[in-house]
Amino acid sequence: MWQSYINAFKNYLKLERSLAENSVEAYLHDAEKLHEYILLTDPARTPMQVTEKELMNFLKYLGELGLSAHSQARMLSGIKSFFKYLLLENLIDRDPTQLLEAPKLGRKLPIPLVSPKLKTCWPPLTFLHLVVPAIVPCSKCSIVQVCG
């Protein structure tokens, strides 16, 4: 039962959303992972019978498998798309993913490009005591820096 809905979802992603092949494969992988989980918990359950509680348990299961918060959030995005497709096709009356929230993702700070070599290569350009942004090639180390 699930496979026919997943195949129809694949056609929707390719034809109506015009997604790249890698994106389609990622969405299908997410839907198939959910299917595998449902087979473990309730093999007779169809996509139309999946509840919000089961989806929350699925996310918990993903965490127990060791998936990072980023991977869980990406997978939830694919699952949400699957249920939005089912809603669009009038196969379900209510989207069980509507109230689900992705795991909180920590924001990574950028790593500054700082080295003693760079400091000697490029002093900031100044004009009237203001730092002027500029792209400057360095003749000493062949690196391009944005000053400013």
C-alpha atoms as a PDB file:
ATOM      1  CA  MET A   1       0.000   0.000   0.000  1.00  0.00           C
ATOM      2  CA  TRP A   2       2.735   2.484   0.987  1.00  0.00           C
ATOM      3  CA  GLN A   3       4.813   1.825  -2.117  1.00  0.00           C
ATOM      4  CA  SER A   4       2.076   2.984  -4.490  1.00  0.00           C
ATOM      5  CA  TYR A   5       1.792   6.294  -2.583  1.00  0.00           C
ATOM      6  CA  ILE A   6       5.561   6.716  -2.514  1.00  0.00           C
ATOM      7  CA  ASN A   7       5.731   6.084  -6.280  1.00  0.00           C
ATOM      8  CA  ALA A   8       2.984   8.634  -6.900  1.00  0.00           C
ATOM      9  CA  PHE A   9       4.871  11.072  -4.626  1.00  0.00           C
ATOM     10  CA  LYS A  10       7.980  10.490  -6.758  1.00  0.00           C
ATOM     11  CA  ASN A  11       6.075  11.396  -9.922  1.00  0.00           C
ATOM     12  CA  TYR A  12       4.693  14.502  -8.222  1.00  0.00           C
ATOM     13  CA  LEU A  13       8.181  15.618  -7.181  1.00  0.00           C
ATOM     14  CA  LYS A  14       9.610  15.063 -10.656  1.00  0.00           C
ATOM     15  CA  LEU A  15       6.774  16.329 -12.828  1.00  0.00           C
ATOM     16  CA  GLU A  16       4.973  18.963 -10.800  1.00  0.00           C
ATOM     17  CA  ARG A  17       7.740  20.286  -8.556  1.00  0.00           C
ATOM     18  CA  SER A  18      10.525  19.747 -11.142  1.00  0.00           C
ATOM     19  CA  LEU A  19      13.037  18.778  -8.480  1.00  0.00           C
ATOM     20  CA  ALA A  20      16.528  17.546  -9.276  1.00  0.00           C
ATOM     21  CA  GLU A  21      17.115  13.795  -9.126  1.00  0.00           C
ATOM     22  CA  ASN A  22      19.146  14.023  -5.899  1.00  0.00           C
ATOM     23  CA  SER A  23      16.365  16.007  -4.211  1.00  0.00           C
ATOM     24  CA  VAL A  24      13.755  13.503  -5.348  1.00  0.00           C
ATOM     25  CA  GLU A  25      15.854  10.640  -3.988  1.00  0.00           C
ATOM     26  CA  ALA A  26      16.262  12.424  -0.641  1.00  0.00           C
ATOM     27  CA  TYR A  27      12.484  12.979  -0.308  1.00  0.00           C
ATOM     28  CA  LEU A  28      11.785   9.357  -1.226  1.00  0.00           C
ATOM     29  CA  HIS A  29      14.386   8.142   1.254  1.00  0.00           C
ATOM     30  CA  ASP A  30      12.603  10.104   3.997  1.00  0.00           C
ATOM     31  CA  ALA A  31       9.193   8.651   3.111  1.00  0.00           C
ATOM     32  CA  GLU A  32      10.660   5.136   2.953  1.00  0.00           C
ATOM     33  CA  LYS A  33      12.333   5.561   6.364  1.00  0.00           C
ATOM     34  CA  LEU A  34       8.948   6.509   7.820  1.00  0.00           C
ATOM     35  CA  HIS A  35       7.416   3.465   6.132  1.00  0.00           C
ATOM     36  CA  GLU A  36      10.104   1.209   7.639  1.00  0.00           C
ATOM     37  CA  TYR A  37       9.377   2.651  11.085  1.00  0.00           C
ATOM     38  CA  ILE A  38       5.621   2.147  10.685  1.00  0.00           C
ATOM     39  CA  LEU A  39       6.247  -1.463   9.621  1.00  0.00           C
ATOM     40  CA  LEU A  40       8.053  -1.995  12.933  1.00  0.00           C
ATOM     41  CA  THR A  41       5.298  -0.448  15.034  1.00  0.00           C
ATOM     42  CA  ASP A  42       2.052  -1.217  13.157  1.00  0.00           C
ATOM     43  CA  PRO A  43       2.473  -3.065   9.826  1.00  0.00           C
ATOM     44  CA  ALA A  44      -1.181  -2.677   8.832  1.00  0.00           C
ATOM     45  CA  ARG A  45      -1.167   1.140   9.136  1.00  0.00           C
ATOM     46  CA  THR A  46      -1.543   3.077   5.894  1.00  0.00           C
ATOM     47  CA  PRO A  47      -0.170   6.592   5.272  1.00  0.00           C
ATOM     48  CA  MET A  48      -3.699   7.932   5.745  1.00  0.00           C
ATOM     49  CA  GLN A  49      -3.805   6.497   9.281  1.00  0.00           C
ATOM     50  CA  VAL A  50      -0.506   7.918  10.551  1.00  0.00           C
ATOM     51  CA  THR A  51      -0.995  10.204  13.539  1.00  0.00           C
ATOM     52  CA  GLU A  52       0.950  13.130  14.906  1.00  0.00           C
ATOM     53  CA  LYS A  53       1.921  11.016  17.928  1.00  0.00           C
ATOM     54  CA  GLU A  54       3.407   8.322  15.664  1.00  0.00           C
ATOM     55  CA  LEU A  55       5.383  10.981  13.807  1.00  0.00           C
ATOM     56  CA  MET A  56       6.695  12.361  17.103  1.00  0.00           C
ATOM     57  CA  ASN A  57       7.750   8.838  18.069  1.00  0.00           C
ATOM     58  CA  PHE A  58       9.409   8.492  14.661  1.00  0.00           C
ATOM     59  CA  LEU A  59      11.478  11.633  15.323  1.00  0.00           C
ATOM     60  CA  LYS A  60      12.430  10.250  18.727  1.00  0.00           C
ATOM     61  CA  TYR A  61      13.417   6.984  17.024  1.00  0.00           C
ATOM     62  CA  LEU A  62      15.652   8.899  14.599  1.00  0.00           C
ATOM     63  CA  GLY A  63      17.392  10.514  17.559  1.00  0.00           C
ATOM     64  CA  GLU A  64      17.912   7.104  19.141  1.00  0.00           C
ATOM     65  CA  LEU A  65      19.512   5.921  15.894  1.00  0.00           C
ATOM     66  CA  GLY A  66      22.082   8.666  16.363  1.00  0.00           C
ATOM     67  CA  LEU A  67      20.962  11.029  13.593  1.00  0.00           C
ATOM     68  CA  SER A  68      22.072  14.602  14.163  1.00  0.00           C
ATOM     69  CA  ALA A  69      19.547  17.384  14.691  1.00  0.00           C
ATOM     70  CA  HIS A  70      20.300  18.634  11.157  1.00  0.00           C
ATOM     71  CA  SER A  71      19.586  15.209   9.660  1.00  0.00           C
ATOM     72  CA  GLN A  72      16.378  14.893  11.673  1.00  0.00           C
ATOM     73  CA  ALA A  73      15.225  18.343  10.538  1.00  0.00           C
ATOM     74  CA  ARG A  74      15.968  17.510   6.902  1.00  0.00           C
ATOM     75  CA  MET A  75      14.125  14.214   7.199  1.00  0.00           C
ATOM     76  CA  LEU A  76      11.140  15.922   8.818  1.00  0.00           C
ATOM     77  CA  SER A  77      11.062  18.317   5.875  1.00  0.00           C
ATOM     78  CA  GLY A  78      10.774  15.353   3.488  1.00  0.00           C
ATOM     79  CA  ILE A  79       8.040  13.744   5.607  1.00  0.00           C
ATOM     80  CA  LYS A  80       6.114  17.031   5.690  1.00  0.00           C
ATOM     81  CA  SER A  81       6.312  17.215   1.896  1.00  0.00           C
ATOM     82  CA  PHE A  82       4.975  13.665   1.633  1.00  0.00           C
ATOM     83  CA  PHE A  83       1.940  14.478   3.783  1.00  0.00           C
ATOM     84  CA  LYS A  84       1.380  17.792   1.999  1.00  0.00           C
ATOM     85  CA  TYR A  85       1.273  15.782  -1.224  1.00  0.00           C
ATOM     86  CA  LEU A  86      -1.308  13.406   0.294  1.00  0.00           C
ATOM     87  CA  LEU A  87      -3.356  16.428   1.400  1.00  0.00           C
ATOM     88  CA  LEU A  88      -3.081  18.013  -2.055  1.00  0.00           C
ATOM     89  CA  GLU A  89      -4.370  14.788  -3.623  1.00  0.00           C
ATOM     90  CA  ASN A  90      -7.269  14.692  -1.120  1.00  0.00           C
ATOM     91  CA  LEU A  91      -6.037  11.394   0.296  1.00  0.00           C
ATOM     92  CA  ILE A  92      -6.016  12.787   3.833  1.00  0.00           C
ATOM     93  CA  ASP A  93      -8.246  15.381   5.485  1.00  0.00           C
ATOM     94  CA  ARG A  94      -5.673  16.754   7.912  1.00  0.00           C
ATOM     95  CA  ASP A  95      -1.896  17.017   7.784  1.00  0.00           C
ATOM     96  CA  PRO A  96      -0.459  15.170  10.818  1.00  0.00           C
ATOM     97  CA  THR A  97       2.869  17.004  10.395  1.00  0.00           C
ATOM     98  CA  GLN A  98       1.318  20.460  10.691  1.00  0.00           C
ATOM     99  CA  LEU A  99       2.170  20.966  14.364  1.00  0.00           C
ATOM    100  CA  LEU A 100       5.476  19.085  14.363  1.00  0.00           C
ATOM    101  CA  GLU A 101       8.578  21.151  14.962  1.00  0.00           C
ATOM    102  CA  ALA A 102      12.034  20.280  13.788  1.00  0.00           C
ATOM    103  CA  PRO A 103      14.755  19.835  16.401  1.00  0.00           C
ATOM    104  CA  LYS A 104      16.432  23.079  17.411  1.00  0.00           C
ATOM    105  CA  LEU A 105      19.554  23.615  15.381  1.00  0.00           C
ATOM    106  CA  GLY A 106      22.557  25.348  16.842  1.00  0.00           C
ATOM    107  CA  ARG A 107      23.947  28.067  14.629  1.00  0.00           C
ATOM    108  CA  LYS A 108      27.564  27.767  13.637  1.00  0.00           C
ATOM    109  CA  LEU A 109      29.650  30.883  13.743  1.00  0.00           C
ATOM    110  CA  PRO A 110      31.887  31.580  10.763  1.00  0.00           C
ATOM    111  CA  ILE A 111      35.551  30.787  11.214  1.00  0.00           C
ATOM    112  CA  PRO A 112      37.570  33.944  10.562  1.00  0.00           C
ATOM    113  CA  LEU A 113      40.463  33.724   8.133  1.00  0.00           C
ATOM    114  CA  VAL A 114      43.207  34.886  10.447  1.00  0.00           C
ATOM    115  CA  SER A 115      46.838  34.018  10.220  1.00  0.00           C
ATOM    116  CA  PRO A 116      50.057  35.925  10.897  1.00  0.00           C
ATOM    117  CA  LYS A 117      50.879  35.686   7.182  1.00  0.00           C
ATOM    118  CA  LEU A 118      47.643  37.447   6.195  1.00  0.00           C
ATOM    119  CA  LYS A 119      48.185  40.226   8.706  1.00  0.00           C
ATOM    120  CA  THR A 120      51.528  41.080   7.128  1.00  0.00           C
ATOM    121  CA  CYS A 121      50.146  40.876   3.587  1.00  0.00           C
ATOM    122  CA  TRP A 122      47.212  43.274   3.832  1.00  0.00           C
ATOM    123  CA  PRO A 123      46.806  46.295   5.962  1.00  0.00           C
ATOM    124  CA  PRO A 124      43.225  47.612   5.709  1.00  0.00           C
ATOM    125  CA  LEU A 125      42.757  50.370   3.149  1.00  0.00           C
ATOM    126  CA  THR A 126      41.682  53.613   4.798  1.00  0.00           C
ATOM    127  CA  PHE A 127      40.302  56.830   3.426  1.00  0.00           C
ATOM    128  CA  LEU A 128      39.570  59.729   5.765  1.00  0.00           C
ATOM    129  CA  HIS A 129      39.793  57.349   8.748  1.00  0.00           C
ATOM    130  CA  LEU A 130      37.149  55.007   7.271  1.00  0.00           C
ATOM    131  CA  VAL A 131      37.845  51.410   6.310  1.00  0.00           C
ATOM    132  CA  VAL A 132      37.080  51.020   2.620  1.00  0.00           C
ATOM    133  CA  PRO A 133      35.993  47.529   1.488  1.00  0.00           C
ATOM    134  CA  ALA A 134      38.169  46.264  -1.340  1.00  0.00           C
ATOM    135  CA  ILE A 135      39.158  42.987  -2.948  1.00  0.00           C
ATOM    136  CA  VAL A 136      42.936  42.902  -2.927  1.00  0.00           C
ATOM    137  CA  PRO A 137      45.161  40.192  -4.443  1.00  0.00           C
ATOM    138  CA  CYS A 138      48.269  39.481  -2.404  1.00  0.00           C
ATOM    139  CA  SER A 139      51.507  39.220  -4.355  1.00  0.00           C
ATOM    140  CA  LYS A 140      53.252  37.425  -1.477  1.00  0.00           C
ATOM    141  CA  CYS A 141      50.913  34.471  -0.973  1.00  0.00           C
ATOM    142  CA  SER A 142      48.499  34.373  -3.995  1.00  0.00           C
ATOM    143  CA  ILE A 143      45.403  34.724  -1.805  1.00  0.00           C
ATOM    144  CA  VAL A 144      42.611  37.206  -2.437  1.00  0.00           C
ATOM    145  CA  GLN A 145      41.255  39.063   0.597  1.00  0.00           C
ATOM    146  CA  VAL A 146      38.269  41.317   1.125  1.00  0.00           C
ATOM    147  CA  CYS A 147      39.484  44.237   3.213  1.00  0.00           C
ATOM    148  CA  GLY A 148      37.085  46.358   5.141  1.00  0.00           C
END
